Amino acid sequence: MTVTTLSGRELNQDLGRAKRATKDGPVIITDRGRPAHVLLSFDEYKRLTGKMRTLGDMLAAPGAEDVDLPLPQRTERARPVDLS
């Protein structure tokens, strides 16, 4: 995987070059010499985000019942509710 670095100005002048470079790896776009953004191919984006799961997915996964999940204790008491 090749990482390409382009300035914001270079990106504006040759967007096609940046898009082609994503075939070889991420493109880091700098702003005033500092990394500011990353351009990825859509396939790479899907690969990275496809493995992300929600908390609900993780809790429903097999073996999740064996995971110790410390939850903070509530210290406040519920107030009585007047339903009249």
PDB file of N, CA and C in Angstrom:
ATOM      1  N   MET A   1       0.854  -1.171   0.000  1.00  0.00           N
ATOM      2  CA  MET A   1       0.000   0.000   0.000  1.00  0.00           C
ATOM      3  C   MET A   1       0.899   1.233   0.000  1.00  0.00           C
ATOM      4  N   THR A   2       0.594   2.141  -0.889  1.00  0.00           N
ATOM      5  CA  THR A   2       1.338   3.387  -1.003  1.00  0.00           C
ATOM      6  C   THR A   2       0.495   4.523  -0.450  1.00  0.00           C
ATOM      7  N   VAL A   3       1.065   5.329   0.417  1.00  0.00           N
ATOM      8  CA  VAL A   3       0.379   6.508   0.936  1.00  0.00           C
ATOM      9  C   VAL A   3       0.869   7.713   0.149  1.00  0.00           C
ATOM     10  N   THR A   4      -0.066   8.444  -0.433  1.00  0.00           N
ATOM     11  CA  THR A   4       0.256   9.638  -1.214  1.00  0.00           C
ATOM     12  C   THR A   4      -0.125  10.862  -0.395  1.00  0.00           C
ATOM     13  N   THR A   5       0.709  11.869  -0.416  1.00  0.00           N
ATOM     14  CA  THR A   5       0.412  13.120   0.282  1.00  0.00           C
ATOM     15  C   THR A   5       0.327  14.246  -0.737  1.00  0.00           C
ATOM     16  N   LEU A   6      -0.771  14.981  -0.686  1.00  0.00           N
ATOM     17  CA  LEU A   6      -0.985  16.125  -1.578  1.00  0.00           C
ATOM     18  C   LEU A   6      -1.397  17.330  -0.748  1.00  0.00           C
ATOM     19  N   SER A   7      -0.974  18.488  -1.182  1.00  0.00           N
ATOM     20  CA  SER A   7      -1.454  19.712  -0.533  1.00  0.00           C
ATOM     21  C   SER A   7      -2.867  19.992  -1.042  1.00  0.00           C
ATOM     22  N   GLY A   8      -3.597  20.805  -0.322  1.00  0.00           N
ATOM     23  CA  GLY A   8      -4.928  21.193  -0.766  1.00  0.00           C
ATOM     24  C   GLY A   8      -4.891  21.851  -2.134  1.00  0.00           C
ATOM     25  N   ARG A   9      -3.848  22.617  -2.392  1.00  0.00           N
ATOM     26  CA  ARG A   9      -3.696  23.277  -3.690  1.00  0.00           C
ATOM     27  C   ARG A   9      -3.493  22.242  -4.794  1.00  0.00           C
ATOM     28  N   GLU A  10      -2.623  21.247  -4.537  1.00  0.00           N
ATOM     29  CA  GLU A  10      -2.392  20.192  -5.533  1.00  0.00           C
ATOM     30  C   GLU A  10      -3.679  19.425  -5.811  1.00  0.00           C
ATOM     31  N   LEU A  11      -4.465  19.186  -4.775  1.00  0.00           N
ATOM     32  CA  LEU A  11      -5.740  18.490  -4.952  1.00  0.00           C
ATOM     33  C   LEU A  11      -6.657  19.295  -5.862  1.00  0.00           C
ATOM     34  N   ASN A  12      -6.754  20.589  -5.612  1.00  0.00           N
ATOM     35  CA  ASN A  12      -7.612  21.445  -6.438  1.00  0.00           C
ATOM     36  C   ASN A  12      -7.142  21.511  -7.882  1.00  0.00           C
ATOM     37  N   GLN A  13      -5.837  21.468  -8.099  1.00  0.00           N
ATOM     38  CA  GLN A  13      -5.296  21.575  -9.451  1.00  0.00           C
ATOM     39  C   GLN A  13      -5.393  20.271 -10.230  1.00  0.00           C
ATOM     40  N   ASP A  14      -5.386  19.126  -9.529  1.00  0.00           N
ATOM     41  CA  ASP A  14      -5.394  17.841 -10.235  1.00  0.00           C
ATOM     42  C   ASP A  14      -6.151  16.787  -9.432  1.00  0.00           C
ATOM     43  N   LEU A  15      -7.458  16.936  -9.389  1.00  0.00           N
ATOM     44  CA  LEU A  15      -8.299  15.994  -8.651  1.00  0.00           C
ATOM     45  C   LEU A  15      -8.180  14.584  -9.219  1.00  0.00           C
ATOM     46  N   GLY A  16      -8.044  14.477 -10.526  1.00  0.00           N
ATOM     47  CA  GLY A  16      -7.908  13.162 -11.162  1.00  0.00           C
ATOM     48  C   GLY A  16      -6.713  12.392 -10.637  1.00  0.00           C
ATOM     49  N   ARG A  17      -5.601  13.096 -10.425  1.00  0.00           N
ATOM     50  CA  ARG A  17      -4.401  12.443  -9.878  1.00  0.00           C
ATOM     51  C   ARG A  17      -4.696  11.860  -8.495  1.00  0.00           C
ATOM     52  N   ALA A  18      -5.396  12.620  -7.664  1.00  0.00           N
ATOM     53  CA  ALA A  18      -5.728  12.151  -6.317  1.00  0.00           C
ATOM     54  C   ALA A  18      -6.638  10.932  -6.383  1.00  0.00           C
ATOM     55  N   LYS A  19      -7.625  10.973  -7.266  1.00  0.00           N
ATOM     56  CA  LYS A  19      -8.536   9.834  -7.401  1.00  0.00           C
ATOM     57  C   LYS A  19      -7.794   8.596  -7.878  1.00  0.00           C
ATOM     58  N   ARG A  20      -6.890   8.751  -8.824  1.00  0.00           N
ATOM     59  CA  ARG A  20      -6.106   7.606  -9.310  1.00  0.00           C
ATOM     60  C   ARG A  20      -5.207   7.051  -8.206  1.00  0.00           C
ATOM     61  N   ALA A  21      -4.658   7.935  -7.393  1.00  0.00           N
ATOM     62  CA  ALA A  21      -3.748   7.508  -6.324  1.00  0.00           C
ATOM     63  C   ALA A  21      -4.456   6.653  -5.281  1.00  0.00           C
ATOM     64  N   THR A  22      -5.781   6.798  -5.132  1.00  0.00           N
ATOM     65  CA  THR A  22      -6.497   5.988  -4.140  1.00  0.00           C
ATOM     66  C   THR A  22      -6.509   4.513  -4.513  1.00  0.00           C
ATOM     67  N   LYS A  23      -6.195   4.186  -5.765  1.00  0.00           N
ATOM     68  CA  LYS A  23      -6.120   2.771  -6.160  1.00  0.00           C
ATOM     69  C   LYS A  23      -4.944   2.078  -5.487  1.00  0.00           C
ATOM     70  N   ASP A  24      -3.925   2.866  -5.107  1.00  0.00           N
ATOM     71  CA  ASP A  24      -2.729   2.310  -4.472  1.00  0.00           C
ATOM     72  C   ASP A  24      -2.728   2.466  -2.961  1.00  0.00           C
ATOM     73  N   GLY A  25      -3.636   3.256  -2.419  1.00  0.00           N
ATOM     74  CA  GLY A  25      -3.682   3.476  -0.977  1.00  0.00           C
ATOM     75  C   GLY A  25      -4.293   4.821  -0.650  1.00  0.00           C
ATOM     76  N   PRO A  26      -4.310   5.173   0.621  1.00  0.00           N
ATOM     77  CA  PRO A  26      -4.928   6.437   1.025  1.00  0.00           C
ATOM     78  C   PRO A  26      -4.149   7.649   0.524  1.00  0.00           C
ATOM     79  N   VAL A  27      -4.868   8.737   0.335  1.00  0.00           N
ATOM     80  CA  VAL A  27      -4.267  10.009  -0.065  1.00  0.00           C
ATOM     81  C   VAL A  27      -4.473  10.984   1.094  1.00  0.00           C
ATOM     82  N   ILE A  28      -3.380  11.442   1.659  1.00  0.00           N
ATOM     83  CA  ILE A  28      -3.446  12.412   2.747  1.00  0.00           C
ATOM     84  C   ILE A  28      -3.411  13.801   2.131  1.00  0.00           C
ATOM     85  N   ILE A  29      -4.372  14.624   2.509  1.00  0.00           N
ATOM     86  CA  ILE A  29      -4.466  15.983   1.987  1.00  0.00           C
ATOM     87  C   ILE A  29      -4.073  16.932   3.109  1.00  0.00           C
ATOM     88  N   THR A  30      -3.094  17.764   2.825  1.00  0.00           N
ATOM     89  CA  THR A  30      -2.595  18.671   3.856  1.00  0.00           C
ATOM     90  C   THR A  30      -3.182  20.061   3.696  1.00  0.00           C
ATOM     91  N   ASP A  31      -3.248  20.759   4.799  1.00  0.00           N
ATOM     92  CA  ASP A  31      -3.672  22.155   4.826  1.00  0.00           C
ATOM     93  C   ASP A  31      -2.594  22.916   5.586  1.00  0.00           C
ATOM     94  N   ARG A  32      -1.900  23.796   4.879  1.00  0.00           N
ATOM     95  CA  ARG A  32      -0.769  24.540   5.447  1.00  0.00           C
ATOM     96  C   ARG A  32       0.292  23.594   6.011  1.00  0.00           C
ATOM     97  N   GLY A  33       0.526  22.500   5.289  1.00  0.00           N
ATOM     98  CA  GLY A  33       1.582  21.568   5.652  1.00  0.00           C
ATOM     99  C   GLY A  33       1.219  20.533   6.700  1.00  0.00           C
ATOM    100  N   ARG A  34       0.008  20.587   7.215  1.00  0.00           N
ATOM    101  CA  ARG A  34      -0.409  19.631   8.240  1.00  0.00           C
ATOM    102  C   ARG A  34      -1.491  18.712   7.688  1.00  0.00           C
ATOM    103  N   PRO A  35      -1.434  17.411   7.998  1.00  0.00           N
ATOM    104  CA  PRO A  35      -2.474  16.491   7.526  1.00  0.00           C
ATOM    105  C   PRO A  35      -3.852  16.964   7.992  1.00  0.00           C
ATOM    106  N   ALA A  36      -4.791  17.046   7.054  1.00  0.00           N
ATOM    107  CA  ALA A  36      -6.125  17.547   7.384  1.00  0.00           C
ATOM    108  C   ALA A  36      -7.235  16.583   6.976  1.00  0.00           C
ATOM    109  N   HIS A  37      -7.039  15.833   5.893  1.00  0.00           N
ATOM    110  CA  HIS A  37      -8.085  14.947   5.378  1.00  0.00           C
ATOM    111  C   HIS A  37      -7.437  13.710   4.775  1.00  0.00           C
ATOM    112  N   VAL A  38      -8.250  12.663   4.627  1.00  0.00           N
ATOM    113  CA  VAL A  38      -7.784  11.447   3.957  1.00  0.00           C
ATOM    114  C   VAL A  38      -8.802  11.077   2.897  1.00  0.00           C
ATOM    115  N   LEU A  39      -8.326  10.818   1.694  1.00  0.00           N
ATOM    116  CA  LEU A  39      -9.169  10.391   0.585  1.00  0.00           C
ATOM    117  C   LEU A  39      -8.930   8.904   0.367  1.00  0.00           C
ATOM    118  N   LEU A  40     -10.024   8.125   0.351  1.00  0.00           N
ATOM    119  CA  LEU A  40      -9.944   6.674   0.159  1.00  0.00           C
ATOM    120  C   LEU A  40     -10.792   6.270  -1.029  1.00  0.00           C
ATOM    121  N   SER A  41     -10.457   5.131  -1.625  1.00  0.00           N
ATOM    122  CA  SER A  41     -11.360   4.561  -2.622  1.00  0.00           C
ATOM    123  C   SER A  41     -12.609   4.085  -1.879  1.00  0.00           C
ATOM    124  N   PHE A  42     -13.711   3.974  -2.593  1.00  0.00           N
ATOM    125  CA  PHE A  42     -14.940   3.532  -1.947  1.00  0.00           C
ATOM    126  C   PHE A  42     -14.807   2.101  -1.441  1.00  0.00           C
ATOM    127  N   ASP A  43     -14.106   1.253  -2.178  1.00  0.00           N
ATOM    128  CA  ASP A  43     -13.899  -0.127  -1.723  1.00  0.00           C
ATOM    129  C   ASP A  43     -13.140  -0.165  -0.400  1.00  0.00           C
ATOM    130  N   GLU A  44     -12.117   0.676  -0.263  1.00  0.00           N
ATOM    131  CA  GLU A  44     -11.355   0.726   0.988  1.00  0.00           C
ATOM    132  C   GLU A  44     -12.225   1.260   2.120  1.00  0.00           C
ATOM    133  N   TYR A  45     -13.045   2.249   1.829  1.00  0.00           N
ATOM    134  CA  TYR A  45     -13.971   2.786   2.827  1.00  0.00           C
ATOM    135  C   TYR A  45     -14.929   1.696   3.306  1.00  0.00           C
ATOM    136  N   LYS A  46     -15.501   0.945   2.362  1.00  0.00           N
ATOM    137  CA  LYS A  46     -16.419  -0.136   2.738  1.00  0.00           C
ATOM    138  C   LYS A  46     -15.705  -1.184   3.577  1.00  0.00           C
ATOM    139  N   ARG A  47     -14.456  -1.501   3.208  1.00  0.00           N
ATOM    140  CA  ARG A  47     -13.699  -2.501   3.957  1.00  0.00           C
ATOM    141  C   ARG A  47     -13.487  -2.034   5.401  1.00  0.00           C
ATOM    142  N   LEU A  48     -13.164  -0.771   5.564  1.00  0.00           N
ATOM    143  CA  LEU A  48     -12.909  -0.248   6.905  1.00  0.00           C
ATOM    144  C   LEU A  48     -14.175  -0.134   7.742  1.00  0.00           C
ATOM    145  N   THR A  49     -15.257   0.319   7.138  1.00  0.00           N
ATOM    146  CA  THR A  49     -16.483   0.530   7.902  1.00  0.00           C
ATOM    147  C   THR A  49     -17.345  -0.714   7.991  1.00  0.00           C
ATOM    148  N   GLY A  50     -17.140  -1.668   7.112  1.00  0.00           N
ATOM    149  CA  GLY A  50     -17.951  -2.883   7.128  1.00  0.00           C
ATOM    150  C   GLY A  50     -17.732  -3.734   8.354  1.00  0.00           C
ATOM    151  N   LYS A  51     -16.592  -3.591   8.995  1.00  0.00           N
ATOM    152  CA  LYS A  51     -16.300  -4.380  10.184  1.00  0.00           C
ATOM    153  C   LYS A  51     -16.794  -3.705  11.452  1.00  0.00           C
ATOM    154  N   MET A  52     -17.219  -2.461  11.339  1.00  0.00           N
ATOM    155  CA  MET A  52     -17.714  -1.755  12.516  1.00  0.00           C
ATOM    156  C   MET A  52     -19.093  -2.294  12.863  1.00  0.00           C
ATOM    157  N   ARG A  53     -19.314  -2.505  14.148  1.00  0.00           N
ATOM    158  CA  ARG A  53     -20.602  -3.019  14.583  1.00  0.00           C
ATOM    159  C   ARG A  53     -21.181  -2.085  15.630  1.00  0.00           C
ATOM    160  N   THR A  54     -22.476  -2.142  15.775  1.00  0.00           N
ATOM    161  CA  THR A  54     -23.130  -1.335  16.796  1.00  0.00           C
ATOM    162  C   THR A  54     -23.010  -2.041  18.140  1.00  0.00           C
ATOM    163  N   LEU A  55     -23.268  -1.325  19.203  1.00  0.00           N
ATOM    164  CA  LEU A  55     -23.246  -1.922  20.533  1.00  0.00           C
ATOM    165  C   LEU A  55     -24.279  -3.041  20.617  1.00  0.00           C
ATOM    166  N   GLY A  56     -25.437  -2.840  20.004  1.00  0.00           N
ATOM    167  CA  GLY A  56     -26.467  -3.881  19.992  1.00  0.00           C
ATOM    168  C   GLY A  56     -25.987  -5.148  19.307  1.00  0.00           C
ATOM    169  N   ASP A  57     -25.269  -4.994  18.179  1.00  0.00           N
ATOM    170  CA  ASP A  57     -24.710  -6.156  17.484  1.00  0.00           C
ATOM    171  C   ASP A  57     -23.735  -6.905  18.381  1.00  0.00           C
ATOM    172  N   MET A  58     -22.873  -6.153  19.063  1.00  0.00           N
ATOM    173  CA  MET A  58     -21.873  -6.793  19.915  1.00  0.00           C
ATOM    174  C   MET A  58     -22.514  -7.501  21.102  1.00  0.00           C
ATOM    175  N   LEU A  59     -23.566  -6.909  21.686  1.00  0.00           N
ATOM    176  CA  LEU A  59     -24.227  -7.542  22.825  1.00  0.00           C
ATOM    177  C   LEU A  59     -25.012  -8.778  22.409  1.00  0.00           C
ATOM    178  N   ALA A  60     -25.470  -8.823  21.153  1.00  0.00           N
ATOM    179  CA  ALA A  60     -26.227  -9.970  20.661  1.00  0.00           C
ATOM    180  C   ALA A  60     -25.325 -11.083  20.138  1.00  0.00           C
ATOM    181  N   ALA A  61     -24.034 -10.827  20.031  1.00  0.00           N
ATOM    182  CA  ALA A  61     -23.095 -11.813  19.477  1.00  0.00           C
ATOM    183  C   ALA A  61     -22.952 -13.004  20.415  1.00  0.00           C
ATOM    184  N   PRO A  62     -22.716 -14.195  19.852  1.00  0.00           N
ATOM    185  CA  PRO A  62     -22.485 -15.371  20.699  1.00  0.00           C
ATOM    186  C   PRO A  62     -21.301 -15.133  21.632  1.00  0.00           C
ATOM    187  N   GLY A  63     -21.455 -15.512  22.882  1.00  0.00           N
ATOM    188  CA  GLY A  63     -20.396 -15.343  23.864  1.00  0.00           C
ATOM    189  C   GLY A  63     -20.447 -14.008  24.586  1.00  0.00           C
ATOM    190  N   ALA A  64     -21.341 -13.118  24.170  1.00  0.00           N
ATOM    191  CA  ALA A  64     -21.408 -11.795  24.798  1.00  0.00           C
ATOM    192  C   ALA A  64     -21.859 -11.889  26.246  1.00  0.00           C
ATOM    193  N   GLU A  65     -22.588 -12.950  26.583  1.00  0.00           N
ATOM    194  CA  GLU A  65     -23.064 -13.085  27.963  1.00  0.00           C
ATOM    195  C   GLU A  65     -21.910 -13.317  28.937  1.00  0.00           C
ATOM    196  N   ASP A  66     -20.752 -13.718  28.431  1.00  0.00           N
ATOM    197  CA  ASP A  66     -19.585 -13.958  29.283  1.00  0.00           C
ATOM    198  C   ASP A  66     -18.723 -12.711  29.479  1.00  0.00           C
ATOM    199  N   VAL A  67     -19.063 -11.625  28.812  1.00  0.00           N
ATOM    200  CA  VAL A  67     -18.265 -10.398  28.905  1.00  0.00           C
ATOM    201  C   VAL A  67     -18.698  -9.609  30.132  1.00  0.00           C
ATOM    202  N   ASP A  68     -17.727  -9.212  30.949  1.00  0.00           N
ATOM    203  CA  ASP A  68     -18.015  -8.395  32.120  1.00  0.00           C
ATOM    204  C   ASP A  68     -18.115  -6.944  31.673  1.00  0.00           C
ATOM    205  N   LEU A  69     -19.285  -6.364  31.817  1.00  0.00           N
ATOM    206  CA  LEU A  69     -19.526  -4.984  31.397  1.00  0.00           C
ATOM    207  C   LEU A  69     -19.855  -4.151  32.631  1.00  0.00           C
ATOM    208  N   PRO A  70     -18.847  -3.508  33.225  1.00  0.00           N
ATOM    209  CA  PRO A  70     -19.116  -2.717  34.434  1.00  0.00           C
ATOM    210  C   PRO A  70     -19.940  -1.477  34.092  1.00  0.00           C
ATOM    211  N   LEU A  71     -21.041  -1.328  34.774  1.00  0.00           N
ATOM    212  CA  LEU A  71     -21.911  -0.171  34.568  1.00  0.00           C
ATOM    213  C   LEU A  71     -21.886   0.696  35.821  1.00  0.00           C
ATOM    214  N   PRO A  72     -21.917   2.005  35.675  1.00  0.00           N
ATOM    215  CA  PRO A  72     -21.892   2.873  36.856  1.00  0.00           C
ATOM    216  C   PRO A  72     -23.163   2.708  37.678  1.00  0.00           C
ATOM    217  N   GLN A  73     -23.017   2.796  38.995  1.00  0.00           N
ATOM    218  CA  GLN A  73     -24.169   2.701  39.889  1.00  0.00           C
ATOM    219  C   GLN A  73     -24.901   4.037  39.906  1.00  0.00           C
ATOM    220  N   ARG A  74     -26.202   3.970  39.913  1.00  0.00           N
ATOM    221  CA  ARG A  74     -26.991   5.198  40.033  1.00  0.00           C
ATOM    222  C   ARG A  74     -27.043   5.591  41.499  1.00  0.00           C
ATOM    223  N   THR A  75     -26.810   6.835  41.778  1.00  0.00           N
ATOM    224  CA  THR A  75     -26.825   7.296  43.166  1.00  0.00           C
ATOM    225  C   THR A  75     -28.098   8.068  43.496  1.00  0.00           C
ATOM    226  N   GLU A  76     -28.767   8.592  42.505  1.00  0.00           N
ATOM    227  CA  GLU A  76     -29.981   9.355  42.795  1.00  0.00           C
ATOM    228  C   GLU A  76     -31.176   8.404  42.916  1.00  0.00           C
ATOM    229  N   ARG A  77     -32.129   8.810  43.691  1.00  0.00           N
ATOM    230  CA  ARG A  77     -33.351   8.025  43.896  1.00  0.00           C
ATOM    231  C   ARG A  77     -34.450   8.558  42.984  1.00  0.00           C
ATOM    232  N   ALA A  78     -35.319   7.659  42.576  1.00  0.00           N
ATOM    233  CA  ALA A  78     -36.459   8.076  41.759  1.00  0.00           C
ATOM    234  C   ALA A  78     -37.426   8.874  42.625  1.00  0.00           C
ATOM    235  N   ARG A  79     -37.969   9.927  42.049  1.00  0.00           N
ATOM    236  CA  ARG A  79     -38.943  10.734  42.779  1.00  0.00           C
ATOM    237  C   ARG A  79     -40.329  10.138  42.597  1.00  0.00           C
ATOM    238  N   PRO A  80     -41.170  10.218  43.622  1.00  0.00           N
ATOM    239  CA  PRO A  80     -42.541   9.728  43.470  1.00  0.00           C
ATOM    240  C   PRO A  80     -43.278  10.558  42.412  1.00  0.00           C
ATOM    241  N   VAL A  81     -44.140   9.897  41.680  1.00  0.00           N
ATOM    242  CA  VAL A  81     -44.894  10.558  40.616  1.00  0.00           C
ATOM    243  C   VAL A  81     -46.351  10.655  41.031  1.00  0.00           C
ATOM    244  N   ASP A  82     -46.925  11.822  40.886  1.00  0.00           N
ATOM    245  CA  ASP A  82     -48.344  12.024  41.184  1.00  0.00           C
ATOM    246  C   ASP A  82     -49.122  11.857  39.886  1.00  0.00           C
ATOM    247  N   LEU A  83     -49.870  10.780  39.767  1.00  0.00           N
ATOM    248  CA  LEU A  83     -50.629  10.491  38.551  1.00  0.00           C
ATOM    249  C   LEU A  83     -52.101  10.889  38.668  1.00  0.00           C
ATOM    250  N   SER A  84     -52.428  11.659  39.695  1.00  0.00           N
ATOM    251  CA  SER A  84     -53.838  12.031  39.864  1.00  0.00           C
ATOM    252  C   SER A  84     -54.237  13.191  38.993  1.00  0.00           C
TER     253      SER A  84
END
